[in-house]
Amino acid sequence: MTFEPEASPEDFANVWQGWLPLMREGEEVIFVARRREDRQFVGVGGAHNLRSHTPELGIWVKESLHGQGYGREIVQGIARWASERFQPPHFLYPVAEQNTASRRLVESLGGVLAGRCERIKYDAVVYHLPPQR
């Protein structure tokens, strides 16, 4: 399953500009992931609803870099960062129901299927991801 990006840089600007007030309020944080060796852009990851009992994590990895372990590294890094700072009982991790690679990723980190929800672009399953140390 591939991600359907925004149609233009201008459209994406509307998305990331919406993140800024939430980041200022301490409600979420967005990280940019780059490869160590050449600083190539890999993707982004976020921790959302940080003031809630169970924050939500999510990532996006550049399609040409899928299957190389970057997604797992990003999720685990963000979960460790947020686990230290917020001590949640678990994180929510929604995944497109048909995205088996993303489902395997969260399961490899101890994620347990907890429910389903509808998203704008897809039907999702929601995992509970335990804190990472």
N, C-alpha and C. Protein backbone atom coordinates (compact mmCIF):
# COMPACT_ATOMS: atom_id res chain seq x y z
N MET A 1 0.84 -1.17 0.00
CA MET A 1 0.00 0.00 0.00
C MET A 1 0.89 1.23 0.00
N THR A 2 0.63 2.16 -0.88
CA THR A 2 1.43 3.37 -0.93
C THR A 2 0.65 4.54 -0.35
N PHE A 3 1.39 5.50 0.15
CA PHE A 3 0.80 6.71 0.71
C PHE A 3 0.49 7.66 -0.43
N GLU A 4 -0.62 8.31 -0.33
CA GLU A 4 -1.01 9.27 -1.35
C GLU A 4 -0.59 10.66 -0.88
N PRO A 5 0.53 11.19 -1.38
CA PRO A 5 1.01 12.49 -0.90
C PRO A 5 0.12 13.62 -1.37
N GLU A 6 0.33 14.77 -0.77
CA GLU A 6 -0.41 15.96 -1.20
C GLU A 6 -0.06 16.25 -2.65
N ALA A 7 -0.95 16.90 -3.36
CA ALA A 7 -0.81 17.12 -4.80
C ALA A 7 0.33 18.06 -5.16
N SER A 8 0.69 18.96 -4.25
CA SER A 8 1.73 19.94 -4.57
C SER A 8 2.43 20.38 -3.29
N PRO A 9 3.60 20.99 -3.44
CA PRO A 9 4.27 21.55 -2.25
C PRO A 9 3.38 22.57 -1.52
N GLU A 10 2.61 23.30 -2.27
CA GLU A 10 1.71 24.28 -1.64
C GLU A 10 0.65 23.58 -0.78
N ASP A 11 0.11 22.47 -1.30
CA ASP A 11 -0.87 21.72 -0.52
C ASP A 11 -0.24 21.15 0.75
N PHE A 12 0.99 20.64 0.63
CA PHE A 12 1.67 20.11 1.81
C PHE A 12 1.98 21.22 2.81
N ALA A 13 2.25 22.43 2.31
CA ALA A 13 2.51 23.55 3.21
C ALA A 13 1.32 23.77 4.14
N ASN A 14 0.11 23.59 3.63
CA ASN A 14 -1.07 23.71 4.48
C ASN A 14 -1.07 22.67 5.60
N VAL A 15 -0.53 21.49 5.30
CA VAL A 15 -0.46 20.43 6.30
C VAL A 15 0.55 20.80 7.38
N TRP A 16 1.82 21.06 6.97
CA TRP A 16 2.84 21.28 7.99
C TRP A 16 2.62 22.58 8.75
N GLN A 17 2.02 23.57 8.13
CA GLN A 17 1.75 24.80 8.86
C GLN A 17 0.70 24.58 9.95
N GLY A 18 -0.15 23.59 9.75
CA GLY A 18 -1.11 23.22 10.79
C GLY A 18 -0.45 22.56 11.99
N TRP A 19 0.74 21.99 11.79
CA TRP A 19 1.46 21.37 12.90
C TRP A 19 2.05 22.41 13.85
N LEU A 20 2.42 23.57 13.33
CA LEU A 20 3.17 24.55 14.12
C LEU A 20 2.48 24.99 15.41
N PRO A 21 1.20 25.38 15.38
CA PRO A 21 0.56 25.76 16.65
C PRO A 21 0.52 24.61 17.66
N LEU A 22 0.30 23.39 17.17
CA LEU A 22 0.26 22.23 18.07
C LEU A 22 1.62 21.98 18.69
N MET A 23 2.67 22.20 17.92
CA MET A 23 4.02 22.04 18.45
C MET A 23 4.32 23.12 19.49
N ARG A 24 3.93 24.35 19.21
CA ARG A 24 4.14 25.45 20.17
C ARG A 24 3.41 25.19 21.49
N GLU A 25 2.24 24.57 21.39
CA GLU A 25 1.43 24.28 22.58
C GLU A 25 1.90 23.03 23.32
N GLY A 26 2.90 22.32 22.77
CA GLY A 26 3.39 21.10 23.41
C GLY A 26 2.46 19.91 23.22
N GLU A 27 1.57 20.02 22.26
CA GLU A 27 0.60 18.96 22.01
C GLU A 27 1.15 17.88 21.08
N GLU A 28 2.11 18.25 20.25
CA GLU A 28 2.73 17.24 19.38
C GLU A 28 4.13 17.69 19.00
N VAL A 29 4.88 16.73 18.49
CA VAL A 29 6.23 17.01 18.00
C VAL A 29 6.42 16.21 16.72
N ILE A 30 7.09 16.82 15.75
CA ILE A 30 7.36 16.18 14.47
C ILE A 30 8.87 16.13 14.29
N PHE A 31 9.39 14.95 13.95
CA PHE A 31 10.82 14.76 13.72
C PHE A 31 11.05 14.49 12.24
N VAL A 32 12.15 15.00 11.72
CA VAL A 32 12.58 14.69 10.36
C VAL A 32 13.68 13.66 10.48
N ALA A 33 13.58 12.58 9.71
CA ALA A 33 14.58 11.51 9.74
C ALA A 33 15.48 11.61 8.51
N ARG A 34 16.79 11.55 8.79
CA ARG A 34 17.79 11.57 7.72
C ARG A 34 18.80 10.45 7.97
N ARG A 35 19.38 9.94 6.88
CA ARG A 35 20.42 8.91 7.03
C ARG A 35 21.68 9.56 7.61
N ARG A 36 22.32 8.85 8.49
CA ARG A 36 23.55 9.38 9.11
C ARG A 36 24.65 9.62 8.09
N GLU A 37 24.84 8.65 7.20
CA GLU A 37 26.01 8.69 6.32
C GLU A 37 25.98 9.81 5.28
N ASP A 38 24.81 10.15 4.77
CA ASP A 38 24.78 11.17 3.71
C ASP A 38 23.71 12.24 3.91
N ARG A 39 23.02 12.20 5.06
CA ARG A 39 21.99 13.19 5.41
C ARG A 39 20.78 13.17 4.47
N GLN A 40 20.65 12.10 3.67
CA GLN A 40 19.50 11.99 2.77
C GLN A 40 18.21 11.93 3.58
N PHE A 41 17.19 12.65 3.11
CA PHE A 41 15.87 12.63 3.75
C PHE A 41 15.29 11.22 3.67
N VAL A 42 14.86 10.72 4.81
CA VAL A 42 14.25 9.39 4.90
C VAL A 42 12.74 9.50 5.08
N GLY A 43 12.31 10.39 5.95
CA GLY A 43 10.89 10.52 6.23
C GLY A 43 10.64 11.42 7.42
N VAL A 44 9.43 11.33 7.95
CA VAL A 44 9.05 12.09 9.13
C VAL A 44 8.32 11.17 10.10
N GLY A 45 8.36 11.56 11.35
CA GLY A 45 7.63 10.83 12.37
C GLY A 45 7.09 11.81 13.38
N GLY A 46 6.00 11.45 14.00
CA GLY A 46 5.41 12.35 14.97
C GLY A 46 4.83 11.66 16.17
N ALA A 47 4.79 12.42 17.25
CA ALA A 47 4.08 12.02 18.46
C ALA A 47 2.98 13.05 18.65
N HIS A 48 1.75 12.60 18.68
CA HIS A 48 0.58 13.48 18.69
C HIS A 48 -0.21 13.30 19.98
N ASN A 49 -0.99 14.31 20.32
CA ASN A 49 -1.82 14.27 21.54
C ASN A 49 -0.97 13.95 22.77
N LEU A 50 0.15 14.66 22.89
CA LEU A 50 1.09 14.38 23.97
C LEU A 50 0.53 14.64 25.36
N ARG A 51 -0.49 15.44 25.46
CA ARG A 51 -1.08 15.71 26.78
C ARG A 51 -2.15 14.68 27.16
N SER A 52 -2.42 13.77 26.26
CA SER A 52 -3.42 12.74 26.56
C SER A 52 -2.77 11.60 27.33
N HIS A 53 -3.61 10.72 27.85
CA HIS A 53 -3.14 9.55 28.60
C HIS A 53 -2.36 8.59 27.69
N THR A 54 -2.76 8.53 26.41
CA THR A 54 -2.13 7.62 25.45
C THR A 54 -1.83 8.38 24.16
N PRO A 55 -0.64 8.97 24.05
CA PRO A 55 -0.28 9.68 22.82
C PRO A 55 -0.30 8.74 21.61
N GLU A 56 -0.43 9.35 20.44
CA GLU A 56 -0.46 8.60 19.18
C GLU A 56 0.85 8.83 18.43
N LEU A 57 1.40 7.76 17.87
CA LEU A 57 2.61 7.85 17.06
C LEU A 57 2.27 7.57 15.61
N GLY A 58 3.04 8.17 14.71
CA GLY A 58 2.86 7.91 13.29
C GLY A 58 4.11 8.29 12.52
N ILE A 59 4.31 7.63 11.38
CA ILE A 59 5.48 7.91 10.55
C ILE A 59 5.09 7.92 9.08
N TRP A 60 5.97 8.48 8.29
CA TRP A 60 5.92 8.39 6.84
C TRP A 60 7.36 8.24 6.37
N VAL A 61 7.64 7.20 5.58
CA VAL A 61 8.98 6.95 5.03
C VAL A 61 8.91 7.03 3.52
N LYS A 62 9.90 7.69 2.95
CA LYS A 62 10.00 7.83 1.49
C LYS A 62 9.91 6.45 0.85
N GLU A 63 9.05 6.33 -0.15
CA GLU A 63 8.75 5.02 -0.74
C GLU A 63 9.99 4.29 -1.24
N SER A 64 10.95 4.99 -1.81
CA SER A 64 12.16 4.33 -2.34
C SER A 64 13.02 3.73 -1.23
N LEU A 65 12.74 4.05 0.03
CA LEU A 65 13.52 3.53 1.15
C LEU A 65 12.74 2.52 1.99
N HIS A 66 11.55 2.13 1.53
CA HIS A 66 10.78 1.11 2.25
C HIS A 66 11.56 -0.19 2.31
N GLY A 67 11.33 -0.95 3.38
CA GLY A 67 11.92 -2.28 3.51
C GLY A 67 13.36 -2.30 3.97
N GLN A 68 13.89 -1.15 4.41
CA GLN A 68 15.28 -1.09 4.83
C GLN A 68 15.44 -0.89 6.34
N GLY A 69 14.35 -0.96 7.08
CA GLY A 69 14.41 -0.84 8.53
C GLY A 69 14.31 0.57 9.08
N TYR A 70 14.20 1.54 8.20
CA TYR A 70 14.13 2.93 8.68
C TYR A 70 12.85 3.19 9.47
N GLY A 71 11.74 2.65 9.02
CA GLY A 71 10.48 2.88 9.72
C GLY A 71 10.53 2.39 11.15
N ARG A 72 11.06 1.20 11.35
CA ARG A 72 11.17 0.65 12.70
C ARG A 72 12.07 1.52 13.56
N GLU A 73 13.18 1.96 12.99
CA GLU A 73 14.11 2.81 13.73
C GLU A 73 13.45 4.14 14.13
N ILE A 74 12.67 4.71 13.23
CA ILE A 74 11.99 5.98 13.53
C ILE A 74 10.95 5.78 14.63
N VAL A 75 10.11 4.76 14.49
CA VAL A 75 9.07 4.51 15.49
C VAL A 75 9.70 4.26 16.85
N GLN A 76 10.71 3.41 16.89
CA GLN A 76 11.33 3.08 18.16
C GLN A 76 12.00 4.30 18.79
N GLY A 77 12.65 5.12 17.97
CA GLY A 77 13.28 6.33 18.48
C GLY A 77 12.29 7.31 19.08
N ILE A 78 11.20 7.55 18.37
CA ILE A 78 10.18 8.47 18.88
C ILE A 78 9.52 7.89 20.13
N ALA A 79 9.24 6.60 20.12
CA ALA A 79 8.61 5.97 21.28
C ALA A 79 9.53 6.04 22.50
N ARG A 80 10.82 5.84 22.31
CA ARG A 80 11.76 5.96 23.44
C ARG A 80 11.77 7.39 23.97
N TRP A 81 11.85 8.35 23.06
CA TRP A 81 11.85 9.76 23.45
C TRP A 81 10.60 10.09 24.26
N ALA A 82 9.43 9.71 23.74
CA ALA A 82 8.17 10.03 24.40
C ALA A 82 7.96 9.21 25.68
N SER A 83 8.46 7.97 25.71
CA SER A 83 8.33 7.14 26.90
C SER A 83 9.06 7.77 28.08
N GLU A 84 10.26 8.28 27.83
CA GLU A 84 11.05 8.92 28.89
C GLU A 84 10.36 10.18 29.42
N ARG A 85 9.76 10.93 28.54
CA ARG A 85 9.20 12.23 28.93
C ARG A 85 7.77 12.17 29.47
N PHE A 86 6.97 11.22 28.99
CA PHE A 86 5.55 11.23 29.32
C PHE A 86 5.06 9.99 30.07
N GLN A 87 5.84 8.93 30.12
CA GLN A 87 5.50 7.67 30.81
C GLN A 87 4.06 7.19 30.54
N PRO A 88 3.66 7.07 29.28
CA PRO A 88 2.30 6.57 29.02
C PRO A 88 2.22 5.07 29.27
N PRO A 89 1.01 4.57 29.56
CA PRO A 89 0.87 3.11 29.70
C PRO A 89 1.09 2.40 28.36
N HIS A 90 0.75 3.09 27.28
CA HIS A 90 1.01 2.61 25.92
C HIS A 90 0.76 3.78 24.97
N PHE A 91 1.18 3.58 23.73
CA PHE A 91 0.91 4.54 22.66
C PHE A 91 -0.15 3.97 21.75
N LEU A 92 -0.91 4.84 21.12
CA LEU A 92 -1.80 4.42 20.04
C LEU A 92 -1.00 4.49 18.75
N TYR A 93 -1.15 3.47 17.92
CA TYR A 93 -0.43 3.43 16.65
C TYR A 93 -1.39 2.95 15.56
N PRO A 94 -2.09 3.89 14.89
CA PRO A 94 -3.00 3.49 13.82
C PRO A 94 -2.25 3.17 12.54
N VAL A 95 -2.72 2.15 11.85
CA VAL A 95 -2.09 1.68 10.61
C VAL A 95 -3.19 1.35 9.61
N ALA A 96 -2.97 1.68 8.35
CA ALA A 96 -3.93 1.27 7.32
C ALA A 96 -4.10 -0.25 7.40
N GLU A 97 -5.34 -0.69 7.42
CA GLU A 97 -5.64 -2.10 7.62
C GLU A 97 -4.91 -3.00 6.62
N GLN A 98 -4.76 -2.56 5.39
CA GLN A 98 -4.12 -3.38 4.36
C GLN A 98 -2.61 -3.22 4.29
N ASN A 99 -2.03 -2.39 5.13
CA ASN A 99 -0.59 -2.15 5.10
C ASN A 99 0.12 -3.17 5.98
N THR A 100 0.36 -4.35 5.42
CA THR A 100 0.93 -5.45 6.20
C THR A 100 2.34 -5.14 6.69
N ALA A 101 3.13 -4.41 5.92
CA ALA A 101 4.49 -4.07 6.36
C ALA A 101 4.45 -3.21 7.62
N SER A 102 3.58 -2.21 7.65
CA SER A 102 3.47 -1.36 8.83
C SER A 102 2.92 -2.13 10.03
N ARG A 103 2.04 -3.06 9.76
CA ARG A 103 1.50 -3.88 10.85
C ARG A 103 2.59 -4.77 11.44
N ARG A 104 3.41 -5.36 10.58
CA ARG A 104 4.53 -6.17 11.07
C ARG A 104 5.51 -5.32 11.87
N LEU A 105 5.73 -4.09 11.42
CA LEU A 105 6.65 -3.19 12.12
C LEU A 105 6.20 -2.98 13.56
N VAL A 106 4.96 -2.56 13.76
CA VAL A 106 4.49 -2.27 15.12
C VAL A 106 4.42 -3.55 15.95
N GLU A 107 4.06 -4.67 15.34
CA GLU A 107 4.03 -5.94 16.06
C GLU A 107 5.43 -6.35 16.50
N SER A 108 6.45 -6.03 15.69
CA SER A 108 7.84 -6.37 16.05
C SER A 108 8.32 -5.59 17.26
N LEU A 109 7.66 -4.48 17.57
CA LEU A 109 8.01 -3.67 18.74
C LEU A 109 7.09 -3.96 19.93
N GLY A 110 6.30 -5.02 19.82
CA GLY A 110 5.42 -5.41 20.91
C GLY A 110 4.01 -4.87 20.81
N GLY A 111 3.67 -4.24 19.69
CA GLY A 111 2.32 -3.70 19.51
C GLY A 111 1.27 -4.79 19.46
N VAL A 112 0.13 -4.51 20.06
CA VAL A 112 -0.99 -5.46 20.13
C VAL A 112 -2.21 -4.81 19.50
N LEU A 113 -2.87 -5.54 18.61
CA LEU A 113 -4.07 -5.04 17.96
C LEU A 113 -5.14 -4.74 19.01
N ALA A 114 -5.68 -3.50 18.97
CA ALA A 114 -6.63 -3.07 20.00
C ALA A 114 -7.97 -2.63 19.44
N GLY A 115 -8.07 -2.38 18.13
CA GLY A 115 -9.34 -1.93 17.59
C GLY A 115 -9.22 -1.48 16.15
N ARG A 116 -10.30 -0.87 15.68
CA ARG A 116 -10.37 -0.37 14.30
C ARG A 116 -10.93 1.04 14.32
N CYS A 117 -10.61 1.80 13.26
CA CYS A 117 -11.20 3.13 13.10
C CYS A 117 -11.18 3.50 11.62
N GLU A 118 -12.00 4.47 11.28
CA GLU A 118 -12.03 4.96 9.90
C GLU A 118 -11.23 6.25 9.81
N ARG A 119 -10.36 6.32 8.83
CA ARG A 119 -9.60 7.54 8.55
C ARG A 119 -10.14 8.13 7.26
N ILE A 120 -9.72 9.35 6.94
CA ILE A 120 -10.20 10.01 5.73
C ILE A 120 -9.85 9.21 4.49
N LYS A 121 -8.62 8.70 4.42
CA LYS A 121 -8.15 8.04 3.21
C LYS A 121 -8.19 6.51 3.27
N TYR A 122 -8.43 5.93 4.46
CA TYR A 122 -8.36 4.48 4.57
C TYR A 122 -9.02 4.01 5.86
N ASP A 123 -9.32 2.71 5.91
CA ASP A 123 -9.75 2.07 7.16
C ASP A 123 -8.49 1.66 7.90
N ALA A 124 -8.48 1.85 9.20
CA ALA A 124 -7.27 1.59 9.98
C ALA A 124 -7.54 0.59 11.09
N VAL A 125 -6.47 -0.06 11.50
CA VAL A 125 -6.46 -0.83 12.73
C VAL A 125 -5.59 -0.04 13.70
N VAL A 126 -5.93 -0.13 14.97
CA VAL A 126 -5.19 0.63 15.99
C VAL A 126 -4.49 -0.36 16.90
N TYR A 127 -3.20 -0.15 17.05
CA TYR A 127 -2.39 -0.96 17.94
C TYR A 127 -2.10 -0.20 19.22
N HIS A 128 -1.92 -0.94 20.31
CA HIS A 128 -1.35 -0.39 21.53
C HIS A 128 0.12 -0.79 21.52
N LEU A 129 0.98 0.20 21.48
CA LEU A 129 2.43 -0.02 21.46
C LEU A 129 2.95 0.25 22.86
N PRO A 130 3.62 -0.72 23.50
CA PRO A 130 4.11 -0.48 24.85
C PRO A 130 5.24 0.56 24.85
N PRO A 131 5.45 1.20 26.01
CA PRO A 131 6.57 2.14 26.09
C PRO A 131 7.87 1.44 25.69
N GLN A 132 8.77 2.18 25.11
CA GLN A 132 10.05 1.63 24.65
C GLN A 132 11.15 2.18 25.55
N ARG A 133 12.08 1.36 25.89
CA ARG A 133 13.20 1.76 26.76
C ARG A 133 14.51 1.62 26.04
